[in-house]
């Protein structure tokens, strides 16, 4: 049994690191100094909160067909696509 666990753990490969611009963004974020002042002025926080509340239930801009759950519900399945 122990041998099986050892062989199974040896077969698992760690996830490949991101490549290209994604990797450079992650590296820049890791090297950046931590944010000290993370408080928004109350007016700005209220404006963000209000825009968020107004956006609930509206399609995302630039999503084309509406995206999100609507995309998955209207999707047609073929023999290659897994069915939910």
Protein backbone atom coordinates (compact mmCIF):
# COMPACT_ATOMS: atom_id res chain seq x y z
CA UNK A 1 0.00 0.00 0.00
CA UNK A 2 2.81 2.41 0.88
CA UNK A 3 4.48 1.66 -2.43
CA UNK A 4 1.30 2.55 -4.27
CA UNK A 5 1.13 5.92 -2.48
CA UNK A 6 4.78 6.64 -3.31
CA UNK A 7 4.28 5.81 -6.98
CA UNK A 8 1.07 7.85 -7.14
CA UNK A 9 2.69 10.90 -5.56
CA UNK A 10 5.70 10.64 -7.88
CA UNK A 11 3.40 10.65 -10.91
CA UNK A 12 1.72 13.93 -9.93
CA UNK A 13 3.43 16.87 -11.64
CA UNK A 14 3.25 20.35 -10.15
CA UNK A 15 1.31 22.88 -12.20
CA UNK A 16 3.39 24.60 -14.87
CA UNK A 17 4.22 28.22 -14.07
CA UNK A 18 2.38 30.83 -16.12
CA UNK A 19 4.21 31.94 -19.23
CA UNK A 20 4.55 35.23 -21.04
CA UNK A 21 2.91 38.38 -19.78
CA UNK A 22 0.94 36.57 -17.08
CA UNK A 23 4.16 35.41 -15.46
CA UNK A 24 5.71 38.88 -15.61
CA UNK A 25 2.59 40.37 -13.97
CA UNK A 26 2.69 37.81 -11.16
CA UNK A 27 6.40 38.40 -10.60
CA UNK A 28 5.88 42.17 -10.49
CA UNK A 29 3.07 41.76 -7.96
CA UNK A 30 5.23 39.54 -5.76
CA UNK A 31 8.12 42.02 -5.87
CA UNK A 32 5.99 45.10 -5.23
CA UNK A 33 5.92 46.65 -1.79
CA UNK A 34 2.77 45.90 0.21
CA UNK A 35 0.09 48.58 0.15
CA UNK A 36 0.12 50.68 3.27
CA UNK A 37 -2.90 52.93 2.76
CA UNK A 38 -5.69 50.69 1.52
CA UNK A 39 -8.53 52.90 2.72
CA UNK A 40 -10.70 54.68 0.17
CA UNK A 41 -12.21 58.06 0.91
CA UNK A 42 -15.84 57.51 2.02
CA UNK A 43 -17.19 59.29 -1.08
CA UNK A 44 -15.24 57.03 -3.44
CA UNK A 45 -16.25 53.88 -1.53
CA UNK A 46 -19.91 54.95 -1.68
CA UNK A 47 -19.67 55.62 -5.44
CA UNK A 48 -18.15 52.17 -6.05
CA UNK A 49 -20.76 50.50 -3.87
CA UNK A 50 -23.58 52.32 -5.69
CA UNK A 51 -22.25 51.37 -9.16
CA UNK A 52 -21.94 47.76 -8.00
CA UNK A 53 -25.50 47.64 -6.67
CA UNK A 54 -26.83 49.20 -9.89
CA UNK A 55 -24.93 46.65 -12.00
CA UNK A 56 -26.44 43.57 -10.35
CA UNK A 57 -28.47 41.63 -12.89
CA UNK A 58 -27.17 43.53 -15.90
CA UNK A 59 -25.02 41.83 -18.57
CA UNK A 60 -21.33 42.60 -18.52
CA UNK A 61 -20.24 45.15 -21.12
CA UNK A 62 -18.42 43.61 -24.07
CA UNK A 63 -19.53 40.08 -23.29
CA UNK A 64 -21.25 39.67 -26.64
CA UNK A 65 -24.05 37.21 -26.02
CA UNK A 66 -24.48 38.10 -22.37
CA UNK A 67 -21.99 35.49 -21.21
CA UNK A 68 -22.05 34.00 -17.76
CA UNK A 69 -24.67 31.42 -16.88
CA UNK A 70 -26.75 32.34 -19.90
CA UNK A 71 -23.95 31.11 -22.16
CA UNK A 72 -23.85 27.72 -20.45
CA UNK A 73 -27.61 27.28 -20.38
CA UNK A 74 -27.99 28.01 -24.10
CA UNK A 75 -24.94 26.01 -25.15
CA UNK A 76 -25.53 23.15 -27.56
CA UNK A 77 -23.70 19.96 -26.79
CA UNK A 78 -22.00 17.74 -29.32
CA UNK A 79 -20.30 14.38 -28.92
CA UNK A 80 -17.00 16.02 -27.92
CA UNK A 81 -18.35 18.36 -25.24
CA UNK A 82 -18.92 16.86 -21.80
CA UNK A 83 -22.47 17.07 -20.58
CA UNK A 84 -23.15 18.56 -17.14
